[in-house]
């Protein structure tokens, strides 16, 4: 098995989700909560939609103009949090944020999004990788108010 320290493998994961994104495309359904996330450092501009079923995330959708890192990180995270409770989703996202910002994180809770672990080496890429994740957290927190 190839190591996740292999930059070529990380690039393949990112490009696979960019070329074949999960959950891309918004839906016309008023039961979905929606937020627009616009990066002030690049072209990334995403609309994020979340449908809640009580305390669980029933579905996540997104669309907009975004680079490969932004699109693929949102694609991966949208898959990881579906079916999770709001608290579980926030813990998953917080763990990835800790990884990206080089704080303590739990490697056992990382799945494909470990592809973004080296984004801290280019500070502008942190916003690309986390734009969609921040949108998810914003919608979760709004739903809890």
C-alpha atoms as a PDB file:
ATOM      1  CA  UNK A   1       0.000   0.000   0.000  1.00  0.00           C
ATOM      2  CA  UNK A   2       1.287   3.437  -0.889  1.00  0.00           C
ATOM      3  CA  UNK A   3       1.998   5.908   1.892  1.00  0.00           C
ATOM      4  CA  UNK A   4      -0.124   8.986   2.454  1.00  0.00           C
ATOM      5  CA  UNK A   5       3.207  10.833   2.539  1.00  0.00           C
ATOM      6  CA  UNK A   6       3.400  10.155  -1.209  1.00  0.00           C
ATOM      7  CA  UNK A   7       2.627  13.503  -2.897  1.00  0.00           C
ATOM      8  CA  UNK A   8       1.531  11.733  -6.077  1.00  0.00           C
ATOM      9  CA  UNK A   9      -1.083   9.717  -4.174  1.00  0.00           C
ATOM     10  CA  UNK A  10      -2.389  12.878  -2.504  1.00  0.00           C
ATOM     11  CA  UNK A  11      -2.617  14.583  -5.894  1.00  0.00           C
ATOM     12  CA  UNK A  12      -4.501  11.570  -7.304  1.00  0.00           C
ATOM     13  CA  UNK A  13      -7.057  11.730  -4.454  1.00  0.00           C
ATOM     14  CA  UNK A  14      -7.552  15.463  -4.975  1.00  0.00           C
ATOM     15  CA  UNK A  15      -7.885  15.187  -8.750  1.00  0.00           C
ATOM     16  CA  UNK A  16     -10.225  12.193  -8.545  1.00  0.00           C
ATOM     17  CA  UNK A  17     -12.648  14.178  -6.385  1.00  0.00           C
ATOM     18  CA  UNK A  18     -12.216  17.219  -8.623  1.00  0.00           C
ATOM     19  CA  UNK A  19     -12.967  15.225 -11.784  1.00  0.00           C
ATOM     20  CA  UNK A  20     -15.705  13.088 -10.172  1.00  0.00           C
ATOM     21  CA  UNK A  21     -17.051  15.145  -7.262  1.00  0.00           C
ATOM     22  CA  UNK A  22     -19.551  13.724  -4.799  1.00  0.00           C
ATOM     23  CA  UNK A  23     -22.723  15.674  -4.020  1.00  0.00           C
ATOM     24  CA  UNK A  24     -22.033  18.479  -6.484  1.00  0.00           C
ATOM     25  CA  UNK A  25     -25.142  20.286  -7.697  1.00  0.00           C
ATOM     26  CA  UNK A  26     -27.718  22.203  -5.710  1.00  0.00           C
ATOM     27  CA  UNK A  27     -31.320  21.135  -5.325  1.00  0.00           C
ATOM     28  CA  UNK A  28     -34.473  23.222  -5.353  1.00  0.00           C
ATOM     29  CA  UNK A  29     -35.847  22.219  -1.979  1.00  0.00           C
ATOM     30  CA  UNK A  30     -36.765  24.652   0.782  1.00  0.00           C
ATOM     31  CA  UNK A  31     -36.045  22.069   3.473  1.00  0.00           C
ATOM     32  CA  UNK A  32     -32.324  22.533   2.767  1.00  0.00           C
ATOM     33  CA  UNK A  33     -30.482  25.295   4.623  1.00  0.00           C
ATOM     34  CA  UNK A  34     -28.076  27.226   2.422  1.00  0.00           C
ATOM     35  CA  UNK A  35     -25.027  29.455   2.829  1.00  0.00           C
ATOM     36  CA  UNK A  36     -22.674  31.119   0.354  1.00  0.00           C
ATOM     37  CA  UNK A  37     -18.967  30.938   1.092  1.00  0.00           C
ATOM     38  CA  UNK A  38     -16.769  33.338  -0.833  1.00  0.00           C
ATOM     39  CA  UNK A  39     -12.998  33.338  -0.492  1.00  0.00           C
ATOM     40  CA  UNK A  40     -11.294  36.711  -0.252  1.00  0.00           C
ATOM     41  CA  UNK A  41      -8.003  35.264  -1.527  1.00  0.00           C
ATOM     42  CA  UNK A  42      -9.003  33.443  -4.727  1.00  0.00           C
ATOM     43  CA  UNK A  43     -11.877  32.614  -7.086  1.00  0.00           C
ATOM     44  CA  UNK A  44     -13.550  30.118  -4.754  1.00  0.00           C
ATOM     45  CA  UNK A  45     -17.253  30.877  -4.339  1.00  0.00           C
ATOM     46  CA  UNK A  46     -19.373  27.982  -3.064  1.00  0.00           C
ATOM     47  CA  UNK A  47     -23.013  27.576  -2.180  1.00  0.00           C
ATOM     48  CA  UNK A  48     -23.435  24.881   0.469  1.00  0.00           C
ATOM     49  CA  UNK A  49     -26.796  23.218   1.189  1.00  0.00           C
ATOM     50  CA  UNK A  50     -27.513  20.942   4.128  1.00  0.00           C
ATOM     51  CA  UNK A  51     -30.665  19.006   4.903  1.00  0.00           C
ATOM     52  CA  UNK A  52     -31.114  18.052   8.533  1.00  0.00           C
ATOM     53  CA  UNK A  53     -33.189  15.177   9.825  1.00  0.00           C
ATOM     54  CA  UNK A  54     -33.545  16.025  13.491  1.00  0.00           C
ATOM     55  CA  UNK A  55     -30.030  15.930  14.920  1.00  0.00           C
ATOM     56  CA  UNK A  56     -28.536  14.188  11.863  1.00  0.00           C
ATOM     57  CA  UNK A  57     -27.220  15.461   8.564  1.00  0.00           C
ATOM     58  CA  UNK A  58     -29.414  13.873   5.911  1.00  0.00           C
ATOM     59  CA  UNK A  59     -27.729  15.385   2.858  1.00  0.00           C
ATOM     60  CA  UNK A  60     -25.084  17.888   1.787  1.00  0.00           C
ATOM     61  CA  UNK A  61     -24.976  19.584  -1.618  1.00  0.00           C
ATOM     62  CA  UNK A  62     -22.677  22.257  -3.003  1.00  0.00           C
ATOM     63  CA  UNK A  63     -21.880  24.080  -6.202  1.00  0.00           C
ATOM     64  CA  UNK A  64     -19.996  27.085  -7.485  1.00  0.00           C
ATOM     65  CA  UNK A  65     -16.700  28.202  -8.919  1.00  0.00           C
ATOM     66  CA  UNK A  66     -13.797  26.610  -7.082  1.00  0.00           C
ATOM     67  CA  UNK A  67     -10.285  25.284  -7.574  1.00  0.00           C
ATOM     68  CA  UNK A  68      -9.381  21.598  -7.408  1.00  0.00           C
ATOM     69  CA  UNK A  69      -8.435  21.708  -3.718  1.00  0.00           C
ATOM     70  CA  UNK A  70     -11.627  23.535  -2.699  1.00  0.00           C
ATOM     71  CA  UNK A  71     -13.883  21.304  -4.803  1.00  0.00           C
ATOM     72  CA  UNK A  72     -12.260  18.042  -3.763  1.00  0.00           C
ATOM     73  CA  UNK A  73     -12.110  18.903  -0.054  1.00  0.00           C
ATOM     74  CA  UNK A  74     -15.810  19.847  -0.102  1.00  0.00           C
ATOM     75  CA  UNK A  75     -16.596  16.667  -2.052  1.00  0.00           C
ATOM     76  CA  UNK A  76     -14.781  14.514   0.508  1.00  0.00           C
ATOM     77  CA  UNK A  77     -16.226  16.271   3.552  1.00  0.00           C
ATOM     78  CA  UNK A  78     -19.766  16.201   2.149  1.00  0.00           C
ATOM     79  CA  UNK A  79     -19.494  12.415   1.955  1.00  0.00           C
ATOM     80  CA  UNK A  80     -17.953  12.029   5.407  1.00  0.00           C
ATOM     81  CA  UNK A  81     -20.617  13.930   7.354  1.00  0.00           C
ATOM     82  CA  UNK A  82     -23.801  12.567   5.742  1.00  0.00           C
ATOM     83  CA  UNK A  83     -25.603  10.366   8.252  1.00  0.00           C
ATOM     84  CA  UNK A  84     -23.631  11.785  11.175  1.00  0.00           C
ATOM     85  CA  UNK A  85     -25.094  13.777  14.040  1.00  0.00           C
ATOM     86  CA  UNK A  86     -24.351  17.485  14.119  1.00  0.00           C
ATOM     87  CA  UNK A  87     -21.889  16.955  16.976  1.00  0.00           C
ATOM     88  CA  UNK A  88     -20.120  14.110  15.158  1.00  0.00           C
ATOM     89  CA  UNK A  89     -19.842  16.245  12.022  1.00  0.00           C
ATOM     90  CA  UNK A  90     -18.394  19.164  13.966  1.00  0.00           C
ATOM     91  CA  UNK A  91     -15.827  16.836  15.587  1.00  0.00           C
ATOM     92  CA  UNK A  92     -14.813  15.442  12.190  1.00  0.00           C
ATOM     93  CA  UNK A  93     -14.404  18.930  10.733  1.00  0.00           C
ATOM     94  CA  UNK A  94     -12.533  20.176  13.814  1.00  0.00           C
ATOM     95  CA  UNK A  95     -10.139  17.230  13.528  1.00  0.00           C
ATOM     96  CA  UNK A  96      -9.375  18.111   9.899  1.00  0.00           C
ATOM     97  CA  UNK A  97      -8.945  21.778  10.808  1.00  0.00           C
ATOM     98  CA  UNK A  98      -6.476  20.764  13.513  1.00  0.00           C
ATOM     99  CA  UNK A  99      -4.590  18.663  10.961  1.00  0.00           C
ATOM    100  CA  UNK A 100      -4.362  21.534   8.500  1.00  0.00           C
ATOM    101  CA  UNK A 101      -3.321  24.064  11.131  1.00  0.00           C
ATOM    102  CA  UNK A 102      -0.761  21.604  12.544  1.00  0.00           C
ATOM    103  CA  UNK A 103      -2.441  21.217  15.919  1.00  0.00           C
ATOM    104  CA  UNK A 104      -3.039  17.894  17.666  1.00  0.00           C
ATOM    105  CA  UNK A 105      -5.408  15.700  15.675  1.00  0.00           C
ATOM    106  CA  UNK A 106      -6.591  12.103  15.755  1.00  0.00           C
ATOM    107  CA  UNK A 107      -5.215  10.199  12.757  1.00  0.00           C
ATOM    108  CA  UNK A 108      -7.720   7.399  13.364  1.00  0.00           C
ATOM    109  CA  UNK A 109     -10.533   9.821  12.495  1.00  0.00           C
ATOM    110  CA  UNK A 110      -8.982  10.841   9.185  1.00  0.00           C
ATOM    111  CA  UNK A 111     -10.117   9.320   5.944  1.00  0.00           C
ATOM    112  CA  UNK A 112      -9.470  10.624   2.442  1.00  0.00           C
ATOM    113  CA  UNK A 113      -9.238  14.225   3.615  1.00  0.00           C
ATOM    114  CA  UNK A 114      -5.752  13.437   4.927  1.00  0.00           C
ATOM    115  CA  UNK A 115      -4.858  14.416   1.355  1.00  0.00           C
ATOM    116  CA  UNK A 116      -5.017  17.995   2.604  1.00  0.00           C
ATOM    117  CA  UNK A 117      -2.578  17.583   5.486  1.00  0.00           C
ATOM    118  CA  UNK A 118       0.196  19.521   3.747  1.00  0.00           C
ATOM    119  CA  UNK A 119      -1.908  22.526   2.764  1.00  0.00           C
ATOM    120  CA  UNK A 120      -0.351  24.561   5.594  1.00  0.00           C
ATOM    121  CA  UNK A 121       2.787  24.780   3.448  1.00  0.00           C
ATOM    122  CA  UNK A 122       0.916  27.240   1.226  1.00  0.00           C
ATOM    123  CA  UNK A 123      -1.166  29.494   3.442  1.00  0.00           C
ATOM    124  CA  UNK A 124      -3.582  30.470   0.651  1.00  0.00           C
ATOM    125  CA  UNK A 125      -4.451  26.770   0.222  1.00  0.00           C
ATOM    126  CA  UNK A 126      -5.776  26.577   3.796  1.00  0.00           C
ATOM    127  CA  UNK A 127      -8.729  28.741   2.743  1.00  0.00           C
ATOM    128  CA  UNK A 128      -9.235  26.585  -0.357  1.00  0.00           C
ATOM    129  CA  UNK A 129      -9.304  23.364   1.643  1.00  0.00           C
ATOM    130  CA  UNK A 130     -11.535  24.658   4.444  1.00  0.00           C
ATOM    131  CA  UNK A 131     -14.024  26.940   2.677  1.00  0.00           C
ATOM    132  CA  UNK A 132     -16.666  24.229   2.283  1.00  0.00           C
ATOM    133  CA  UNK A 133     -15.977  22.842   5.771  1.00  0.00           C
ATOM    134  CA  UNK A 134     -16.518  26.280   7.294  1.00  0.00           C
ATOM    135  CA  UNK A 135     -19.817  26.516   5.419  1.00  0.00           C
ATOM    136  CA  UNK A 136     -20.939  23.201   6.883  1.00  0.00           C
ATOM    137  CA  UNK A 137     -20.065  24.327  10.418  1.00  0.00           C
ATOM    138  CA  UNK A 138     -21.910  27.609   9.881  1.00  0.00           C
ATOM    139  CA  UNK A 139     -25.079  25.802   8.790  1.00  0.00           C
ATOM    140  CA  UNK A 140     -24.841  23.307  11.667  1.00  0.00           C
ATOM    141  CA  UNK A 141     -24.440  26.116  14.196  1.00  0.00           C
ATOM    142  CA  UNK A 142     -27.329  28.108  12.676  1.00  0.00           C
ATOM    143  CA  UNK A 143     -29.552  25.030  12.901  1.00  0.00           C
ATOM    144  CA  UNK A 144     -28.735  24.691  16.602  1.00  0.00           C
ATOM    145  CA  UNK A 145     -29.774  28.254  17.435  1.00  0.00           C
END
